[in-house]
Amino acid sequence: MDASLWVAKTGLNAQQTRMSVIANNLANVNTTGFKRDRAVFEDLLYQNIKQAGGQTGADTTAPVGFMLGTGTRIVATEKMQGQGNMISTENALDLAVEGNGFFQIVQQDGTISYTRDGSFKLSQDGELVTVSGALLQPQIVIPQDAATITVGLDGTVSVELANGGGNQQLGQIQLARFVNGAGLEAMGQNLFRETQASGPPIVGVPGEQGAGNIAQGMLEASNVNVVEELVNMIETQRAYEVNSKAISSVDGMLRFLNQNL
């Protein structure tokens, strides 16, 4: 079997995977806090036919080598942690992080996950929870007689009680940062999990030590650029067609040899 067929096949596989990545980005264009993925390519091993610097004569060496590549593959999908656009909702429980940091969410097994989706709700006990019902950490409980809810840039949560009950401070939301945010593992449901690559969380007060501020009544949109993704889709389609054409060309060459030799 001609090696070029297998080389072109690796190109087809890689471009098909990249198309899946692009399709997922476009599918999540309206997902709150979604971070787009980027496919990372690398070339495969090379067949070293002639070594660069090898002897070509008694006193001469080859200035360049003769190496044949064996194709390409996708080795990673990197989460691009750029800031998404801020969308005003005028909902007191909608929070967005302007800058670096993640909200901390308690899972059913007690572990902590992380999210940029700040569309919080109130549980039956007045606790701030995600749409899926998972608790925000640190826990914030809103009194039943709260008339208005205010969240400061530094995450301080306070309420104005009804019937002249005065102002009451309930707590402070903290944000988690990571040395390598791209190393977080995406879990689905707009959540991320800490990994060895991401490093441990650096938990702190919003607006301090590199953490972003919290904007109340706002949500962070997906950072997917539709035009850029459509350009990437066209580029991927053309690359797929070229690799497919290479397979057809090699097949034609082999067929010619079989018929004429």
C-alpha atoms as a PDB file:
ATOM      1  CA  MET A   1       0.000   0.000   0.000  1.00  0.00           C
ATOM      2  CA  ASP A   2       1.378   3.409  -0.944  1.00  0.00           C
ATOM      3  CA  ALA A   3       2.425   5.426   2.125  1.00  0.00           C
ATOM      4  CA  SER A   4       0.895   8.617   0.732  1.00  0.00           C
ATOM      5  CA  LEU A   5      -2.575   7.072   1.073  1.00  0.00           C
ATOM      6  CA  TRP A   6      -2.076   6.719   4.822  1.00  0.00           C
ATOM      7  CA  VAL A   7      -0.594  10.235   5.082  1.00  0.00           C
ATOM      8  CA  ALA A   8      -3.669  11.703   3.371  1.00  0.00           C
ATOM      9  CA  LYS A   9      -5.909   9.555   5.595  1.00  0.00           C
ATOM     10  CA  THR A  10      -4.405  11.155   8.729  1.00  0.00           C
ATOM     11  CA  GLY A  11      -5.220  14.541   7.202  1.00  0.00           C
ATOM     12  CA  LEU A  12      -8.842  13.496   6.652  1.00  0.00           C
ATOM     13  CA  ASN A  13      -9.163  12.256  10.237  1.00  0.00           C
ATOM     14  CA  ALA A  14      -7.613  15.418  11.673  1.00  0.00           C
ATOM     15  CA  GLN A  15      -9.796  17.765   9.611  1.00  0.00           C
ATOM     16  CA  GLN A  16     -12.922  15.794  10.500  1.00  0.00           C
ATOM     17  CA  THR A  17     -12.072  16.154  14.188  1.00  0.00           C
ATOM     18  CA  ARG A  18     -11.431  19.868  13.749  1.00  0.00           C
ATOM     19  CA  MET A  19     -14.837  20.224  12.088  1.00  0.00           C
ATOM     20  CA  SER A  20     -16.419  18.605  15.169  1.00  0.00           C
ATOM     21  CA  VAL A  21     -14.648  21.161  17.372  1.00  0.00           C
ATOM     22  CA  ILE A  22     -15.909  24.037  15.209  1.00  0.00           C
ATOM     23  CA  ALA A  23     -19.446  22.620  15.186  1.00  0.00           C
ATOM     24  CA  ASN A  24     -19.416  22.423  18.997  1.00  0.00           C
ATOM     25  CA  ASN A  25     -18.283  26.042  19.215  1.00  0.00           C
ATOM     26  CA  LEU A  26     -21.110  27.174  16.939  1.00  0.00           C
ATOM     27  CA  ALA A  27     -23.650  25.027  18.792  1.00  0.00           C
ATOM     28  CA  ASN A  28     -22.723  26.828  22.033  1.00  0.00           C
ATOM     29  CA  VAL A  29     -22.712  30.366  20.644  1.00  0.00           C
ATOM     30  CA  ASN A  30     -25.606  31.258  22.975  1.00  0.00           C
ATOM     31  CA  THR A  31     -24.379  29.270  25.993  1.00  0.00           C
ATOM     32  CA  THR A  32     -23.700  31.572  28.947  1.00  0.00           C
ATOM     33  CA  GLY A  33     -20.027  31.661  29.916  1.00  0.00           C
ATOM     34  CA  PHE A  34     -18.989  29.144  27.240  1.00  0.00           C
ATOM     35  CA  LYS A  35     -15.317  29.200  26.209  1.00  0.00           C
ATOM     36  CA  ARG A  36     -14.537  28.170  22.652  1.00  0.00           C
ATOM     37  CA  ASP A  37     -12.197  25.289  21.833  1.00  0.00           C
ATOM     38  CA  ARG A  38      -9.235  25.337  19.463  1.00  0.00           C
ATOM     39  CA  ALA A  39      -7.899  22.164  17.871  1.00  0.00           C
ATOM     40  CA  VAL A  40      -4.122  21.750  18.260  1.00  0.00           C
ATOM     41  CA  PHE A  41      -2.313  19.846  15.486  1.00  0.00           C
ATOM     42  CA  GLU A  42       1.085  18.154  15.474  1.00  0.00           C
ATOM     43  CA  ASP A  43       2.990  16.274  12.780  1.00  0.00           C
ATOM     44  CA  LEU A  44       3.667  12.547  13.134  1.00  0.00           C
ATOM     45  CA  LEU A  45       6.977  10.696  13.067  1.00  0.00           C
ATOM     46  CA  TYR A  46       9.335  11.148  10.135  1.00  0.00           C
ATOM     47  CA  GLN A  47      11.026   8.485   8.036  1.00  0.00           C
ATOM     48  CA  ASN A  48      14.676   9.557   8.001  1.00  0.00           C
ATOM     49  CA  ILE A  49      16.051   8.445   4.648  1.00  0.00           C
ATOM     50  CA  LYS A  50      19.217  10.584   4.678  1.00  0.00           C
ATOM     51  CA  GLN A  51      20.544  12.259   7.801  1.00  0.00           C
ATOM     52  CA  ALA A  52      21.348  15.961   7.645  1.00  0.00           C
ATOM     53  CA  GLY A  53      25.069  16.402   8.250  1.00  0.00           C
ATOM     54  CA  GLY A  54      25.853  12.893   7.068  1.00  0.00           C
ATOM     55  CA  GLN A  55      28.942  12.141   5.028  1.00  0.00           C
ATOM     56  CA  THR A  56      28.501  12.559   1.273  1.00  0.00           C
ATOM     57  CA  GLY A  57      32.177  12.301   0.448  1.00  0.00           C
ATOM     58  CA  ALA A  58      35.624  12.159   1.998  1.00  0.00           C
ATOM     59  CA  ASP A  59      35.502  15.808   3.070  1.00  0.00           C
ATOM     60  CA  THR A  60      31.860  16.816   2.546  1.00  0.00           C
ATOM     61  CA  THR A  61      28.619  16.534   4.516  1.00  0.00           C
ATOM     62  CA  ALA A  62      24.997  16.877   3.492  1.00  0.00           C
ATOM     63  CA  PRO A  63      23.683  20.377   4.327  1.00  0.00           C
ATOM     64  CA  VAL A  64      20.098  19.116   4.457  1.00  0.00           C
ATOM     65  CA  GLY A  65      18.480  15.782   5.136  1.00  0.00           C
ATOM     66  CA  PHE A  66      15.897  13.681   3.347  1.00  0.00           C
ATOM     67  CA  MET A  67      12.938  12.986   5.630  1.00  0.00           C
ATOM     68  CA  LEU A  68       9.416  11.910   4.720  1.00  0.00           C
ATOM     69  CA  GLY A  69       6.559  12.835   7.031  1.00  0.00           C
ATOM     70  CA  THR A  70       3.852  10.346   7.951  1.00  0.00           C
ATOM     71  CA  GLY A  71       0.959  12.741   8.464  1.00  0.00           C
ATOM     72  CA  THR A  72      -0.715  14.753  11.195  1.00  0.00           C
ATOM     73  CA  ARG A  73      -3.021  14.364  14.161  1.00  0.00           C
ATOM     74  CA  ILE A  74      -4.899  16.487  16.700  1.00  0.00           C
ATOM     75  CA  VAL A  75      -3.241  16.181  20.098  1.00  0.00           C
ATOM     76  CA  ALA A  76      -5.388  18.563  22.145  1.00  0.00           C
ATOM     77  CA  THR A  77      -8.378  20.859  22.207  1.00  0.00           C
ATOM     78  CA  GLU A  78      -7.480  24.028  24.066  1.00  0.00           C
ATOM     79  CA  LYS A  79     -10.081  26.105  25.894  1.00  0.00           C
ATOM     80  CA  MET A  80      -9.621  29.753  24.956  1.00  0.00           C
ATOM     81  CA  GLN A  81     -10.324  31.641  28.173  1.00  0.00           C
ATOM     82  CA  GLY A  82     -10.889  35.080  26.629  1.00  0.00           C
ATOM     83  CA  GLN A  83     -13.592  37.350  28.016  1.00  0.00           C
ATOM     84  CA  GLY A  84     -17.043  37.104  26.456  1.00  0.00           C
ATOM     85  CA  ASN A  85     -19.328  40.070  25.873  1.00  0.00           C
ATOM     86  CA  MET A  86     -21.317  41.349  28.828  1.00  0.00           C
ATOM     87  CA  ILE A  87     -25.103  41.168  28.440  1.00  0.00           C
ATOM     88  CA  SER A  88     -27.391  43.253  30.651  1.00  0.00           C
ATOM     89  CA  THR A  89     -30.343  41.308  32.099  1.00  0.00           C
ATOM     90  CA  GLU A  90     -31.405  43.625  34.971  1.00  0.00           C
ATOM     91  CA  ASN A  91     -31.876  40.481  37.067  1.00  0.00           C
ATOM     92  CA  ALA A  92     -30.413  40.901  40.557  1.00  0.00           C
ATOM     93  CA  LEU A  93     -29.336  37.242  40.687  1.00  0.00           C
ATOM     94  CA  ASP A  94     -27.462  37.341  37.362  1.00  0.00           C
ATOM     95  CA  LEU A  95     -23.743  37.826  38.007  1.00  0.00           C
ATOM     96  CA  ALA A  96     -20.825  38.089  35.601  1.00  0.00           C
ATOM     97  CA  VAL A  97     -17.088  38.005  36.209  1.00  0.00           C
ATOM     98  CA  GLU A  98     -15.247  40.879  34.564  1.00  0.00           C
ATOM     99  CA  GLY A  99     -11.713  39.561  34.342  1.00  0.00           C
ATOM    100  CA  ASN A 100     -10.087  36.432  35.710  1.00  0.00           C
ATOM    101  CA  GLY A 101     -11.864  33.976  37.995  1.00  0.00           C
ATOM    102  CA  PHE A 102     -14.580  31.344  38.354  1.00  0.00           C
ATOM    103  CA  PHE A 103     -17.578  30.924  40.624  1.00  0.00           C
ATOM    104  CA  GLN A 104     -17.244  27.913  42.948  1.00  0.00           C
ATOM    105  CA  ILE A 105     -20.045  25.343  42.810  1.00  0.00           C
ATOM    106  CA  VAL A 106     -20.601  22.460  45.264  1.00  0.00           C
ATOM    107  CA  GLN A 107     -21.415  19.140  43.590  1.00  0.00           C
ATOM    108  CA  GLN A 108     -23.596  16.388  45.107  1.00  0.00           C
ATOM    109  CA  ASP A 109     -20.501  14.400  46.113  1.00  0.00           C
ATOM    110  CA  GLY A 110     -19.111  17.411  47.979  1.00  0.00           C
ATOM    111  CA  THR A 111     -16.419  18.275  45.428  1.00  0.00           C
ATOM    112  CA  ILE A 112     -16.020  21.781  44.039  1.00  0.00           C
ATOM    113  CA  SER A 113     -16.454  22.609  40.365  1.00  0.00           C
ATOM    114  CA  TYR A 114     -16.013  25.959  38.665  1.00  0.00           C
ATOM    115  CA  THR A 115     -18.084  28.007  36.254  1.00  0.00           C
ATOM    116  CA  ARG A 116     -18.283  31.370  34.488  1.00  0.00           C
ATOM    117  CA  ASP A 117     -22.074  31.042  34.248  1.00  0.00           C
ATOM    118  CA  GLY A 118     -23.492  33.394  36.856  1.00  0.00           C
ATOM    119  CA  SER A 119     -27.206  32.886  36.146  1.00  0.00           C
ATOM    120  CA  PHE A 120     -28.084  32.003  39.747  1.00  0.00           C
ATOM    121  CA  LYS A 121     -31.489  31.219  41.230  1.00  0.00           C
ATOM    122  CA  LEU A 122     -32.955  30.936  44.728  1.00  0.00           C
ATOM    123  CA  SER A 123     -33.674  27.536  46.245  1.00  0.00           C
ATOM    124  CA  GLN A 124     -36.693  26.911  48.459  1.00  0.00           C
ATOM    125  CA  ASP A 125     -34.453  27.747  51.442  1.00  0.00           C
ATOM    126  CA  GLY A 126     -33.250  31.023  49.942  1.00  0.00           C
ATOM    127  CA  GLU A 127     -29.813  29.690  48.938  1.00  0.00           C
ATOM    128  CA  LEU A 128     -28.064  30.847  45.776  1.00  0.00           C
ATOM    129  CA  VAL A 129     -27.932  27.890  43.376  1.00  0.00           C
ATOM    130  CA  THR A 130     -27.230  27.192  39.705  1.00  0.00           C
ATOM    131  CA  VAL A 131     -29.977  26.323  37.237  1.00  0.00           C
ATOM    132  CA  SER A 132     -29.227  22.658  38.031  1.00  0.00           C
ATOM    133  CA  GLY A 133     -29.716  23.278  41.774  1.00  0.00           C
ATOM    134  CA  ALA A 134     -26.039  23.091  42.831  1.00  0.00           C
ATOM    135  CA  LEU A 135     -25.039  25.398  45.687  1.00  0.00           C
ATOM    136  CA  LEU A 136     -22.772  28.414  45.288  1.00  0.00           C
ATOM    137  CA  GLN A 137     -19.691  28.330  47.526  1.00  0.00           C
ATOM    138  CA  PRO A 138     -19.392  30.205  49.928  1.00  0.00           C
ATOM    139  CA  GLN A 139     -23.034  29.653  50.774  1.00  0.00           C
ATOM    140  CA  ILE A 140     -25.281  32.714  50.582  1.00  0.00           C
ATOM    141  CA  VAL A 141     -28.803  32.576  52.047  1.00  0.00           C
ATOM    142  CA  ILE A 142     -31.290  35.299  51.143  1.00  0.00           C
ATOM    143  CA  PRO A 143     -33.924  36.067  53.839  1.00  0.00           C
ATOM    144  CA  GLN A 144     -37.557  35.626  52.850  1.00  0.00           C
ATOM    145  CA  ASP A 145     -38.344  39.239  53.748  1.00  0.00           C
ATOM    146  CA  ALA A 146     -35.622  40.671  51.495  1.00  0.00           C
ATOM    147  CA  ALA A 147     -36.972  43.469  49.320  1.00  0.00           C
ATOM    148  CA  THR A 148     -33.856  44.086  47.216  1.00  0.00           C
ATOM    149  CA  ILE A 149     -30.571  42.213  46.706  1.00  0.00           C
ATOM    150  CA  THR A 150     -27.290  44.021  46.059  1.00  0.00           C
ATOM    151  CA  VAL A 151     -23.981  42.436  45.017  1.00  0.00           C
ATOM    152  CA  GLY A 152     -20.945  44.730  45.052  1.00  0.00           C
ATOM    153  CA  LEU A 153     -17.957  44.644  42.725  1.00  0.00           C
ATOM    154  CA  ASP A 154     -16.027  42.883  45.508  1.00  0.00           C
ATOM    155  CA  GLY A 155     -18.704  40.175  45.832  1.00  0.00           C
ATOM    156  CA  THR A 156     -20.295  41.545  49.012  1.00  0.00           C
ATOM    157  CA  VAL A 157     -23.949  40.451  49.156  1.00  0.00           C
ATOM    158  CA  SER A 158     -26.404  42.613  51.076  1.00  0.00           C
ATOM    159  CA  VAL A 159     -30.174  42.949  51.182  1.00  0.00           C
ATOM    160  CA  GLU A 160     -32.668  45.661  52.045  1.00  0.00           C
ATOM    161  CA  LEU A 161     -35.344  44.109  54.256  1.00  0.00           C
ATOM    162  CA  ALA A 162     -39.016  44.837  53.709  1.00  0.00           C
ATOM    163  CA  ASN A 163     -41.117  47.051  55.970  1.00  0.00           C
ATOM    164  CA  GLY A 164     -38.176  49.212  57.014  1.00  0.00           C
ATOM    165  CA  GLY A 165     -36.158  46.309  58.344  1.00  0.00           C
ATOM    166  CA  GLY A 166     -32.934  47.988  57.333  1.00  0.00           C
ATOM    167  CA  ASN A 167     -29.874  46.806  55.433  1.00  0.00           C
ATOM    168  CA  GLN A 168     -28.245  43.444  56.188  1.00  0.00           C
ATOM    169  CA  GLN A 169     -24.925  42.108  54.882  1.00  0.00           C
ATOM    170  CA  LEU A 170     -25.114  38.360  54.176  1.00  0.00           C
ATOM    171  CA  GLY A 171     -21.623  37.395  53.074  1.00  0.00           C
ATOM    172  CA  GLN A 172     -19.106  37.709  50.272  1.00  0.00           C
ATOM    173  CA  ILE A 173     -18.777  35.724  47.068  1.00  0.00           C
ATOM    174  CA  GLN A 174     -15.247  34.507  46.372  1.00  0.00           C
ATOM    175  CA  LEU A 175     -13.656  33.671  43.022  1.00  0.00           C
ATOM    176  CA  ALA A 176     -11.191  30.912  42.144  1.00  0.00           C
ATOM    177  CA  ARG A 177      -8.301  31.509  39.740  1.00  0.00           C
ATOM    178  CA  PHE A 178      -5.925  29.009  38.149  1.00  0.00           C
ATOM    179  CA  VAL A 179      -2.359  29.343  36.934  1.00  0.00           C
ATOM    180  CA  ASN A 180      -3.336  27.430  33.772  1.00  0.00           C
ATOM    181  CA  GLY A 181      -7.025  27.938  33.100  1.00  0.00           C
ATOM    182  CA  ALA A 182      -6.715  26.054  29.798  1.00  0.00           C
ATOM    183  CA  GLY A 183      -5.855  22.940  31.817  1.00  0.00           C
ATOM    184  CA  LEU A 184      -9.304  22.730  33.439  1.00  0.00           C
ATOM    185  CA  GLU A 185     -11.450  19.752  32.468  1.00  0.00           C
ATOM    186  CA  ALA A 186     -14.826  20.618  30.953  1.00  0.00           C
ATOM    187  CA  MET A 187     -17.589  18.591  32.656  1.00  0.00           C
ATOM    188  CA  GLY A 188     -20.632  19.847  30.780  1.00  0.00           C
ATOM    189  CA  GLN A 189     -23.424  21.927  32.359  1.00  0.00           C
ATOM    190  CA  ASN A 190     -21.089  24.956  32.035  1.00  0.00           C
ATOM    191  CA  LEU A 191     -18.805  23.466  34.707  1.00  0.00           C
ATOM    192  CA  PHE A 192     -15.067  22.836  34.913  1.00  0.00           C
ATOM    193  CA  ARG A 193     -13.061  20.511  37.129  1.00  0.00           C
ATOM    194  CA  GLU A 194      -9.596  21.078  38.583  1.00  0.00           C
ATOM    195  CA  THR A 195      -6.814  18.937  37.093  1.00  0.00           C
ATOM    196  CA  GLN A 196      -3.119  18.494  37.701  1.00  0.00           C
ATOM    197  CA  ALA A 197      -2.473  20.612  34.600  1.00  0.00           C
ATOM    198  CA  SER A 198      -4.594  23.525  35.836  1.00  0.00           C
ATOM    199  CA  GLY A 199      -2.952  23.596  39.243  1.00  0.00           C
ATOM    200  CA  PRO A 200      -4.843  24.120  42.511  1.00  0.00           C
ATOM    201  CA  PRO A 201      -7.413  26.916  42.788  1.00  0.00           C
ATOM    202  CA  ILE A 202      -6.308  30.302  44.098  1.00  0.00           C
ATOM    203  CA  VAL A 203      -9.363  31.507  45.998  1.00  0.00           C
ATOM    204  CA  GLY A 204      -9.709  35.166  46.818  1.00  0.00           C
ATOM    205  CA  VAL A 205     -11.868  38.260  47.009  1.00  0.00           C
ATOM    206  CA  PRO A 206     -13.064  39.716  43.682  1.00  0.00           C
ATOM    207  CA  GLY A 207     -10.962  42.661  42.555  1.00  0.00           C
ATOM    208  CA  GLU A 208      -7.875  41.590  44.520  1.00  0.00           C
ATOM    209  CA  GLN A 209      -4.738  39.597  43.659  1.00  0.00           C
ATOM    210  CA  GLY A 210      -5.604  39.297  39.966  1.00  0.00           C
ATOM    211  CA  ALA A 211      -9.236  38.250  40.435  1.00  0.00           C
ATOM    212  CA  GLY A 212     -11.883  40.010  38.336  1.00  0.00           C
ATOM    213  CA  ASN A 213     -14.796  42.091  39.568  1.00  0.00           C
ATOM    214  CA  ILE A 214     -18.395  40.907  39.831  1.00  0.00           C
ATOM    215  CA  ALA A 215     -21.033  42.733  37.801  1.00  0.00           C
ATOM    216  CA  GLN A 216     -24.611  42.390  39.045  1.00  0.00           C
ATOM    217  CA  GLY A 217     -27.479  42.244  36.568  1.00  0.00           C
ATOM    218  CA  MET A 218     -25.120  41.041  33.837  1.00  0.00           C
ATOM    219  CA  LEU A 219     -24.225  37.719  32.217  1.00  0.00           C
ATOM    220  CA  GLU A 220     -21.105  36.815  30.269  1.00  0.00           C
ATOM    221  CA  ALA A 221     -21.927  35.614  26.773  1.00  0.00           C
ATOM    222  CA  SER A 222     -20.007  32.912  24.926  1.00  0.00           C
ATOM    223  CA  ASN A 223     -16.657  34.076  23.543  1.00  0.00           C
ATOM    224  CA  VAL A 224     -17.369  32.316  20.226  1.00  0.00           C
ATOM    225  CA  ASN A 225     -16.899  34.596  17.210  1.00  0.00           C
ATOM    226  CA  VAL A 226     -19.366  33.292  14.620  1.00  0.00           C
ATOM    227  CA  VAL A 227     -17.589  34.901  11.653  1.00  0.00           C
ATOM    228  CA  GLU A 228     -14.226  33.468  12.721  1.00  0.00           C
ATOM    229  CA  GLU A 229     -15.737  30.005  13.172  1.00  0.00           C
ATOM    230  CA  LEU A 230     -17.357  30.141   9.728  1.00  0.00           C
ATOM    231  CA  VAL A 231     -13.990  31.056   8.202  1.00  0.00           C
ATOM    232  CA  ASN A 232     -12.407  28.147  10.081  1.00  0.00           C
ATOM    233  CA  MET A 233     -15.166  25.874   8.790  1.00  0.00           C
ATOM    234  CA  ILE A 234     -14.471  26.851   5.179  1.00  0.00           C
ATOM    235  CA  GLU A 235     -10.743  26.384   5.706  1.00  0.00           C
ATOM    236  CA  THR A 236     -11.338  22.937   7.225  1.00  0.00           C
ATOM    237  CA  GLN A 237     -13.650  21.935   4.388  1.00  0.00           C
ATOM    238  CA  ARG A 238     -11.053  22.941   1.797  1.00  0.00           C
ATOM    239  CA  ALA A 239      -8.305  21.063   3.643  1.00  0.00           C
ATOM    240  CA  TYR A 240     -10.524  17.975   3.802  1.00  0.00           C
ATOM    241  CA  GLU A 241     -11.215  18.219   0.064  1.00  0.00           C
ATOM    242  CA  VAL A 242      -7.491  18.536  -0.714  1.00  0.00           C
ATOM    243  CA  ASN A 243      -6.653  15.428   1.321  1.00  0.00           C
ATOM    244  CA  SER A 244      -9.494  13.555  -0.352  1.00  0.00           C
ATOM    245  CA  LYS A 245      -8.135  14.687  -3.728  1.00  0.00           C
ATOM    246  CA  ALA A 246      -4.689  13.385  -2.753  1.00  0.00           C
ATOM    247  CA  ILE A 247      -6.168   9.937  -2.072  1.00  0.00           C
ATOM    248  CA  SER A 248      -7.956   9.987  -5.446  1.00  0.00           C
ATOM    249  CA  SER A 249      -4.743  11.040  -7.216  1.00  0.00           C
ATOM    250  CA  VAL A 250      -2.673   8.293  -5.599  1.00  0.00           C
ATOM    251  CA  ASP A 251      -5.379   5.768  -6.424  1.00  0.00           C
ATOM    252  CA  GLY A 252      -5.260   6.882 -10.057  1.00  0.00           C
ATOM    253  CA  MET A 253      -1.454   6.559 -10.136  1.00  0.00           C
ATOM    254  CA  LEU A 254      -1.602   3.042  -8.694  1.00  0.00           C
ATOM    255  CA  ARG A 255      -4.354   2.049 -11.121  1.00  0.00           C
ATOM    256  CA  PHE A 256      -2.220   3.326 -14.021  1.00  0.00           C
ATOM    257  CA  LEU A 257       0.742   1.244 -12.863  1.00  0.00           C
ATOM    258  CA  ASN A 258      -1.409  -1.872 -12.519  1.00  0.00           C
ATOM    259  CA  GLN A 259      -2.815  -1.469 -16.020  1.00  0.00           C
ATOM    260  CA  ASN A 260       0.445  -0.642 -17.764  1.00  0.00           C
ATOM    261  CA  LEU A 261       3.073  -2.766 -16.039  1.00  0.00           C
END
